[in-house]
Amino acid sequence: MCLAIPMRVIEKTDNTGIVETNNVQYKANLQLLDNVKVGDYVIIHAGFAIQKLDEKEAGKTLKLFNELRDAEGKL
């Protein structure tokens, strides 16, 4: 099973960026997307940004991930 995570770009140098979600930072390759800027939300899969998202859509997905994490802790 593959998992892709929405993350916000917090730093960018050429085709590499530092992305963050839930206070976790990760170095990601941005070369598959055009015009990625600091502050953009991207979906990260296997170290690559594969799609840009708007902030609202990223927030919905992150909320679902957090709900799943919280529900797992109650099992």
PDB file of N, CA and C in Angstrom:
ATOM      1  N   MET A   1       0.837  -1.172   0.000  1.00  0.00           N
ATOM      2  CA  MET A   1       0.000   0.000   0.000  1.00  0.00           C
ATOM      3  C   MET A   1       0.885   1.238   0.000  1.00  0.00           C
ATOM      4  N   CYS A   2       0.498   2.226  -0.750  1.00  0.00           N
ATOM      5  CA  CYS A   2       1.240   3.480  -0.834  1.00  0.00           C
ATOM      6  C   CYS A   2       0.508   4.554  -0.044  1.00  0.00           C
ATOM      7  N   LEU A   3       1.271   5.460   0.496  1.00  0.00           N
ATOM      8  CA  LEU A   3       0.685   6.554   1.250  1.00  0.00           C
ATOM      9  C   LEU A   3       1.340   7.850   0.800  1.00  0.00           C
ATOM     10  N   ALA A   4       0.538   8.819   0.502  1.00  0.00           N
ATOM     11  CA  ALA A   4       1.025  10.145   0.130  1.00  0.00           C
ATOM     12  C   ALA A   4       0.494  11.133   1.162  1.00  0.00           C
ATOM     13  N   ILE A   5       1.351  12.024   1.615  1.00  0.00           N
ATOM     14  CA  ILE A   5       1.028  12.925   2.719  1.00  0.00           C
ATOM     15  C   ILE A   5       1.035  14.375   2.244  1.00  0.00           C
ATOM     16  N   PRO A   6      -0.013  15.143   2.560  1.00  0.00           N
ATOM     17  CA  PRO A   6       0.026  16.577   2.268  1.00  0.00           C
ATOM     18  C   PRO A   6       0.982  17.274   3.241  1.00  0.00           C
ATOM     19  N   MET A   7       1.883  18.074   2.698  1.00  0.00           N
ATOM     20  CA  MET A   7       2.844  18.798   3.516  1.00  0.00           C
ATOM     21  C   MET A   7       3.008  20.205   2.956  1.00  0.00           C
ATOM     22  N   ARG A   8       3.366  21.145   3.841  1.00  0.00           N
ATOM     23  CA  ARG A   8       3.554  22.538   3.432  1.00  0.00           C
ATOM     24  C   ARG A   8       5.033  22.794   3.191  1.00  0.00           C
ATOM     25  N   VAL A   9       5.348  23.463   2.094  1.00  0.00           N
ATOM     26  CA  VAL A   9       6.729  23.811   1.769  1.00  0.00           C
ATOM     27  C   VAL A   9       7.151  24.973   2.672  1.00  0.00           C
ATOM     28  N   ILE A  10       8.222  24.767   3.447  1.00  0.00           N
ATOM     29  CA  ILE A  10       8.689  25.833   4.340  1.00  0.00           C
ATOM     30  C   ILE A  10      10.021  26.424   3.898  1.00  0.00           C
ATOM     31  N   GLU A  11      10.768  25.692   3.062  1.00  0.00           N
ATOM     32  CA  GLU A  11      12.009  26.200   2.474  1.00  0.00           C
ATOM     33  C   GLU A  11      12.142  25.612   1.085  1.00  0.00           C
ATOM     34  N   LYS A  12      12.806  26.344   0.192  1.00  0.00           N
ATOM     35  CA  LYS A  12      13.006  25.833  -1.164  1.00  0.00           C
ATOM     36  C   LYS A  12      14.343  26.322  -1.701  1.00  0.00           C
ATOM     37  N   THR A  13      15.110  25.374  -2.253  1.00  0.00           N
ATOM     38  CA  THR A  13      16.361  25.664  -2.929  1.00  0.00           C
ATOM     39  C   THR A  13      16.372  24.864  -4.216  1.00  0.00           C
ATOM     40  N   ASP A  14      16.308  25.549  -5.341  1.00  0.00           N
ATOM     41  CA  ASP A  14      16.260  24.888  -6.651  1.00  0.00           C
ATOM     42  C   ASP A  14      15.107  23.879  -6.669  1.00  0.00           C
ATOM     43  N   ASN A  15      15.407  22.605  -6.886  1.00  0.00           N
ATOM     44  CA  ASN A  15      14.365  21.566  -6.971  1.00  0.00           C
ATOM     45  C   ASN A  15      14.201  20.764  -5.689  1.00  0.00           C
ATOM     46  N   THR A  16      14.742  21.273  -4.599  1.00  0.00           N
ATOM     47  CA  THR A  16      14.640  20.592  -3.313  1.00  0.00           C
ATOM     48  C   THR A  16      13.939  21.511  -2.322  1.00  0.00           C
ATOM     49  N   GLY A  17      13.134  20.919  -1.467  1.00  0.00           N
ATOM     50  CA  GLY A  17      12.461  21.722  -0.468  1.00  0.00           C
ATOM     51  C   GLY A  17      12.415  21.020   0.872  1.00  0.00           C
ATOM     52  N   ILE A  18      12.201  21.799   1.901  1.00  0.00           N
ATOM     53  CA  ILE A  18      11.897  21.261   3.218  1.00  0.00           C
ATOM     54  C   ILE A  18      10.399  21.426   3.384  1.00  0.00           C
ATOM     55  N   VAL A  19       9.726  20.321   3.658  1.00  0.00           N
ATOM     56  CA  VAL A  19       8.278  20.327   3.821  1.00  0.00           C
ATOM     57  C   VAL A  19       7.950  19.912   5.251  1.00  0.00           C
ATOM     58  N   GLU A  20       6.756  20.293   5.709  1.00  0.00           N
ATOM     59  CA  GLU A  20       6.420  20.061   7.108  1.00  0.00           C
ATOM     60  C   GLU A  20       4.943  19.732   7.273  1.00  0.00           C
ATOM     61  N   THR A  21       4.680  18.844   8.202  1.00  0.00           N
ATOM     62  CA  THR A  21       3.332  18.590   8.683  1.00  0.00           C
ATOM     63  C   THR A  21       3.418  18.100  10.116  1.00  0.00           C
ATOM     64  N   ASN A  22       2.516  18.537  10.959  1.00  0.00           N
ATOM     65  CA  ASN A  22       2.483  18.146  12.370  1.00  0.00           C
ATOM     66  C   ASN A  22       3.856  18.251  13.031  1.00  0.00           C
ATOM     67  N   ASN A  23       4.562  19.339  12.760  1.00  0.00           N
ATOM     68  CA  ASN A  23       5.889  19.614  13.324  1.00  0.00           C
ATOM     69  C   ASN A  23       6.955  18.606  12.913  1.00  0.00           C
ATOM     70  N   VAL A  24       6.706  17.849  11.859  1.00  0.00           N
ATOM     71  CA  VAL A  24       7.699  16.930  11.304  1.00  0.00           C
ATOM     72  C   VAL A  24       8.181  17.528   9.984  1.00  0.00           C
ATOM     73  N   GLN A  25       9.495  17.680   9.862  1.00  0.00           N
ATOM     74  CA  GLN A  25      10.075  18.232   8.641  1.00  0.00           C
ATOM     75  C   GLN A  25      10.761  17.136   7.847  1.00  0.00           C
ATOM     76  N   TYR A  26      10.744  17.299   6.526  1.00  0.00           N
ATOM     77  CA  TYR A  26      11.259  16.273   5.627  1.00  0.00           C
ATOM     78  C   TYR A  26      11.837  16.957   4.396  1.00  0.00           C
ATOM     79  N   LYS A  27      12.939  16.434   3.891  1.00  0.00           N
ATOM     80  CA  LYS A  27      13.525  16.957   2.664  1.00  0.00           C
ATOM     81  C   LYS A  27      12.863  16.254   1.486  1.00  0.00           C
ATOM     82  N   ALA A  28      12.353  17.029   0.521  1.00  0.00           N
ATOM     83  CA  ALA A  28      11.612  16.455  -0.604  1.00  0.00           C
ATOM     84  C   ALA A  28      12.114  17.016  -1.934  1.00  0.00           C
ATOM     85  N   ASN A  29      12.003  16.204  -2.952  1.00  0.00           N
ATOM     86  CA  ASN A  29      12.340  16.597  -4.310  1.00  0.00           C
ATOM     87  C   ASN A  29      11.109  17.246  -4.936  1.00  0.00           C
ATOM     88  N   LEU A  30      11.273  18.456  -5.469  1.00  0.00           N
ATOM     89  CA  LEU A  30      10.155  19.219  -6.031  1.00  0.00           C
ATOM     90  C   LEU A  30      10.167  19.273  -7.556  1.00  0.00           C
ATOM     91  N   GLN A  31      11.083  18.577  -8.197  1.00  0.00           N
ATOM     92  CA  GLN A  31      11.285  18.748  -9.641  1.00  0.00           C
ATOM     93  C   GLN A  31      10.129  18.264 -10.511  1.00  0.00           C
ATOM     94  N   LEU A  32       9.207  17.480  -9.994  1.00  0.00           N
ATOM     95  CA  LEU A  32       8.088  17.005 -10.802  1.00  0.00           C
ATOM     96  C   LEU A  32       6.974  18.036 -10.968  1.00  0.00           C
ATOM     97  N   LEU A  33       7.045  19.124 -10.199  1.00  0.00           N
ATOM     98  CA  LEU A  33       5.999  20.151 -10.237  1.00  0.00           C
ATOM     99  C   LEU A  33       6.562  21.494 -10.673  1.00  0.00           C
ATOM    100  N   ASP A  34       5.732  22.268 -11.335  1.00  0.00           N
ATOM    101  CA  ASP A  34       6.106  23.617 -11.750  1.00  0.00           C
ATOM    102  C   ASP A  34       5.663  24.636 -10.708  1.00  0.00           C
ATOM    103  N   ASN A  35       6.464  25.678 -10.566  1.00  0.00           N
ATOM    104  CA  ASN A  35       6.085  26.856  -9.780  1.00  0.00           C
ATOM    105  C   ASN A  35       5.734  26.560  -8.332  1.00  0.00           C
ATOM    106  N   VAL A  36       6.457  25.673  -7.680  1.00  0.00           N
ATOM    107  CA  VAL A  36       6.244  25.435  -6.254  1.00  0.00           C
ATOM    108  C   VAL A  36       6.914  26.566  -5.485  1.00  0.00           C
ATOM    109  N   LYS A  37       6.160  27.147  -4.542  1.00  0.00           N
ATOM    110  CA  LYS A  37       6.659  28.254  -3.744  1.00  0.00           C
ATOM    111  C   LYS A  37       6.563  27.906  -2.261  1.00  0.00           C
ATOM    112  N   VAL A  38       7.362  28.591  -1.450  1.00  0.00           N
ATOM    113  CA  VAL A  38       7.246  28.456  -0.003  1.00  0.00           C
ATOM    114  C   VAL A  38       5.818  28.826   0.380  1.00  0.00           C
ATOM    115  N   GLY A  39       5.210  28.003   1.208  1.00  0.00           N
ATOM    116  CA  GLY A  39       3.823  28.206   1.626  1.00  0.00           C
ATOM    117  C   GLY A  39       2.842  27.319   0.890  1.00  0.00           C
ATOM    118  N   ASP A  40       3.241  26.774  -0.261  1.00  0.00           N
ATOM    119  CA  ASP A  40       2.370  25.854  -1.005  1.00  0.00           C
ATOM    120  C   ASP A  40       2.226  24.537  -0.258  1.00  0.00           C
ATOM    121  N   TYR A  41       1.089  23.901  -0.453  1.00  0.00           N
ATOM    122  CA  TYR A  41       0.882  22.542   0.034  1.00  0.00           C
ATOM    123  C   TYR A  41       1.073  21.592  -1.130  1.00  0.00           C
ATOM    124  N   VAL A  42       1.815  20.517  -0.877  1.00  0.00           N
ATOM    125  CA  VAL A  42       2.080  19.503  -1.892  1.00  0.00           C
ATOM    126  C   VAL A  42       1.847  18.130  -1.283  1.00  0.00           C
ATOM    127  N   ILE A  43       1.555  17.172  -2.132  1.00  0.00           N
ATOM    128  CA  ILE A  43       1.454  15.786  -1.690  1.00  0.00           C
ATOM    129  C   ILE A  43       2.818  15.145  -1.905  1.00  0.00           C
ATOM    130  N   ILE A  44       3.354  14.545  -0.835  1.00  0.00           N
ATOM    131  CA  ILE A  44       4.661  13.903  -0.884  1.00  0.00           C
ATOM    132  C   ILE A  44       4.476  12.393  -0.911  1.00  0.00           C
ATOM    133  N   HIS A  45       5.127  11.763  -1.887  1.00  0.00           N
ATOM    134  CA  HIS A  45       5.132  10.304  -1.987  1.00  0.00           C
ATOM    135  C   HIS A  45       6.542   9.857  -2.350  1.00  0.00           C
ATOM    136  N   ALA A  46       7.095   8.964  -1.539  1.00  0.00           N
ATOM    137  CA  ALA A  46       8.433   8.412  -1.781  1.00  0.00           C
ATOM    138  C   ALA A  46       9.488   9.495  -1.978  1.00  0.00           C
ATOM    139  N   GLY A  47       9.343  10.598  -1.239  1.00  0.00           N
ATOM    140  CA  GLY A  47      10.335  11.658  -1.289  1.00  0.00           C
ATOM    141  C   GLY A  47      10.135  12.703  -2.371  1.00  0.00           C
ATOM    142  N   PHE A  48       9.098  12.543  -3.178  1.00  0.00           N
ATOM    143  CA  PHE A  48       8.820  13.472  -4.273  1.00  0.00           C
ATOM    144  C   PHE A  48       7.481  14.174  -4.062  1.00  0.00           C
ATOM    145  N   ALA A  49       7.450  15.465  -4.376  1.00  0.00           N
ATOM    146  CA  ALA A  49       6.180  16.187  -4.431  1.00  0.00           C
ATOM    147  C   ALA A  49       5.516  15.797  -5.748  1.00  0.00           C
ATOM    148  N   ILE A  50       4.305  15.245  -5.669  1.00  0.00           N
ATOM    149  CA  ILE A  50       3.649  14.739  -6.877  1.00  0.00           C
ATOM    150  C   ILE A  50       2.419  15.547  -7.283  1.00  0.00           C
ATOM    151  N   GLN A  51       1.949  16.432  -6.400  1.00  0.00           N
ATOM    152  CA  GLN A  51       0.768  17.234  -6.723  1.00  0.00           C
ATOM    153  C   GLN A  51       0.695  18.422  -5.780  1.00  0.00           C
ATOM    154  N   LYS A  52       0.235  19.562  -6.288  1.00  0.00           N
ATOM    155  CA  LYS A  52      -0.036  20.717  -5.437  1.00  0.00           C
ATOM    156  C   LYS A  52      -1.489  20.658  -4.981  1.00  0.00           C
ATOM    157  N   LEU A  53      -1.741  21.150  -3.763  1.00  0.00           N
ATOM    158  CA  LEU A  53      -3.092  21.220  -3.206  1.00  0.00           C
ATOM    159  C   LEU A  53      -3.356  22.635  -2.735  1.00  0.00           C
ATOM    160  N   ASP A  54      -4.631  23.007  -2.698  1.00  0.00           N
ATOM    161  CA  ASP A  54      -4.920  24.279  -2.045  1.00  0.00           C
ATOM    162  C   ASP A  54      -4.975  24.018  -0.533  1.00  0.00           C
ATOM    163  N   GLU A  55      -4.863  25.077   0.228  1.00  0.00           N
ATOM    164  CA  GLU A  55      -4.777  24.964   1.686  1.00  0.00           C
ATOM    165  C   GLU A  55      -6.014  24.289   2.283  1.00  0.00           C
ATOM    166  N   LYS A  56      -7.183  24.576   1.750  1.00  0.00           N
ATOM    167  CA  LYS A  56      -8.423  23.998   2.266  1.00  0.00           C
ATOM    168  C   LYS A  56      -8.431  22.473   2.095  1.00  0.00           C
ATOM    169  N   GLU A  57      -8.066  22.004   0.912  1.00  0.00           N
ATOM    170  CA  GLU A  57      -8.049  20.565   0.646  1.00  0.00           C
ATOM    171  C   GLU A  57      -6.985  19.868   1.494  1.00  0.00           C
ATOM    172  N   ALA A  58      -5.826  20.482   1.633  1.00  0.00           N
ATOM    173  CA  ALA A  58      -4.772  19.920   2.479  1.00  0.00           C
ATOM    174  C   ALA A  58      -5.262  19.808   3.920  1.00  0.00           C
ATOM    175  N   GLY A  59      -5.950  20.833   4.391  1.00  0.00           N
ATOM    176  CA  GLY A  59      -6.477  20.817   5.761  1.00  0.00           C
ATOM    177  C   GLY A  59      -7.466  19.694   5.987  1.00  0.00           C
ATOM    178  N   LYS A  60      -8.341  19.435   5.017  1.00  0.00           N
ATOM    179  CA  LYS A  60      -9.311  18.338   5.136  1.00  0.00           C
ATOM    180  C   LYS A  60      -8.597  16.993   5.258  1.00  0.00           C
ATOM    181  N   THR A  61      -7.614  16.785   4.397  1.00  0.00           N
ATOM    182  CA  THR A  61      -6.891  15.510   4.406  1.00  0.00           C
ATOM    183  C   THR A  61      -6.103  15.342   5.695  1.00  0.00           C
ATOM    184  N   LEU A  62      -5.431  16.383   6.143  1.00  0.00           N
ATOM    185  CA  LEU A  62      -4.669  16.293   7.389  1.00  0.00           C
ATOM    186  C   LEU A  62      -5.583  16.051   8.580  1.00  0.00           C
ATOM    187  N   LYS A  63      -6.767  16.632   8.552  1.00  0.00           N
ATOM    188  CA  LYS A  63      -7.738  16.398   9.628  1.00  0.00           C
ATOM    189  C   LYS A  63      -8.120  14.920   9.677  1.00  0.00           C
ATOM    190  N   LEU A  64      -8.350  14.315   8.511  1.00  0.00           N
ATOM    191  CA  LEU A  64      -8.677  12.888   8.469  1.00  0.00           C
ATOM    192  C   LEU A  64      -7.528  12.037   9.013  1.00  0.00           C
ATOM    193  N   PHE A  65      -6.296  12.345   8.619  1.00  0.00           N
ATOM    194  CA  PHE A  65      -5.143  11.606   9.142  1.00  0.00           C
ATOM    195  C   PHE A  65      -5.073  11.714  10.663  1.00  0.00           C
ATOM    196  N   ASN A  66      -5.304  12.921  11.197  1.00  0.00           N
ATOM    197  CA  ASN A  66      -5.263  13.113  12.644  1.00  0.00           C
ATOM    198  C   ASN A  66      -6.371  12.344  13.344  1.00  0.00           C
ATOM    199  N   GLU A  67      -7.552  12.297  12.743  1.00  0.00           N
ATOM    200  CA  GLU A  67      -8.658  11.539  13.332  1.00  0.00           C
ATOM    201  C   GLU A  67      -8.335  10.049  13.347  1.00  0.00           C
ATOM    202  N   LEU A  68      -7.733   9.549  12.289  1.00  0.00           N
ATOM    203  CA  LEU A  68      -7.336   8.141  12.246  1.00  0.00           C
ATOM    204  C   LEU A  68      -6.278   7.841  13.305  1.00  0.00           C
ATOM    205  N   ARG A  69      -5.308   8.734  13.436  1.00  0.00           N
ATOM    206  CA  ARG A  69      -4.270   8.560  14.457  1.00  0.00           C
ATOM    207  C   ARG A  69      -4.877   8.533  15.852  1.00  0.00           C
ATOM    208  N   ASP A  70      -5.795   9.456  16.120  1.00  0.00           N
ATOM    209  CA  ASP A  70      -6.433   9.517  17.431  1.00  0.00           C
ATOM    210  C   ASP A  70      -7.301   8.291  17.703  1.00  0.00           C
ATOM    211  N   ALA A  71      -8.017   7.825  16.689  1.00  0.00           N
ATOM    212  CA  ALA A  71      -8.874   6.643  16.847  1.00  0.00           C
ATOM    213  C   ALA A  71      -8.021   5.413  17.106  1.00  0.00           C
ATOM    214  N   GLU A  72      -6.877   5.306  16.455  1.00  0.00           N
ATOM    215  CA  GLU A  72      -6.001   4.150  16.657  1.00  0.00           C
ATOM    216  C   GLU A  72      -5.505   4.093  18.094  1.00  0.00           C
ATOM    217  N   GLY A  73      -5.234   5.238  18.680  1.00  0.00           N
ATOM    218  CA  GLY A  73      -4.770   5.292  20.065  1.00  0.00           C
ATOM    219  C   GLY A  73      -5.817   4.863  21.062  1.00  0.00           C
ATOM    220  N   LYS A  74      -7.089   4.855  20.666  1.00  0.00           N
ATOM    221  CA  LYS A  74      -8.181   4.468  21.565  1.00  0.00           C
ATOM    222  C   LYS A  74      -8.517   2.997  21.472  1.00  0.00           C
ATOM    223  N   LEU A  75      -7.933   2.301  20.503  1.00  0.00           N
ATOM    224  CA  LEU A  75      -8.220   0.860  20.336  1.00  0.00           C
ATOM    225  C   LEU A  75      -7.480   0.027  21.355  1.00  0.00           C
TER     226      LEU A  75
END
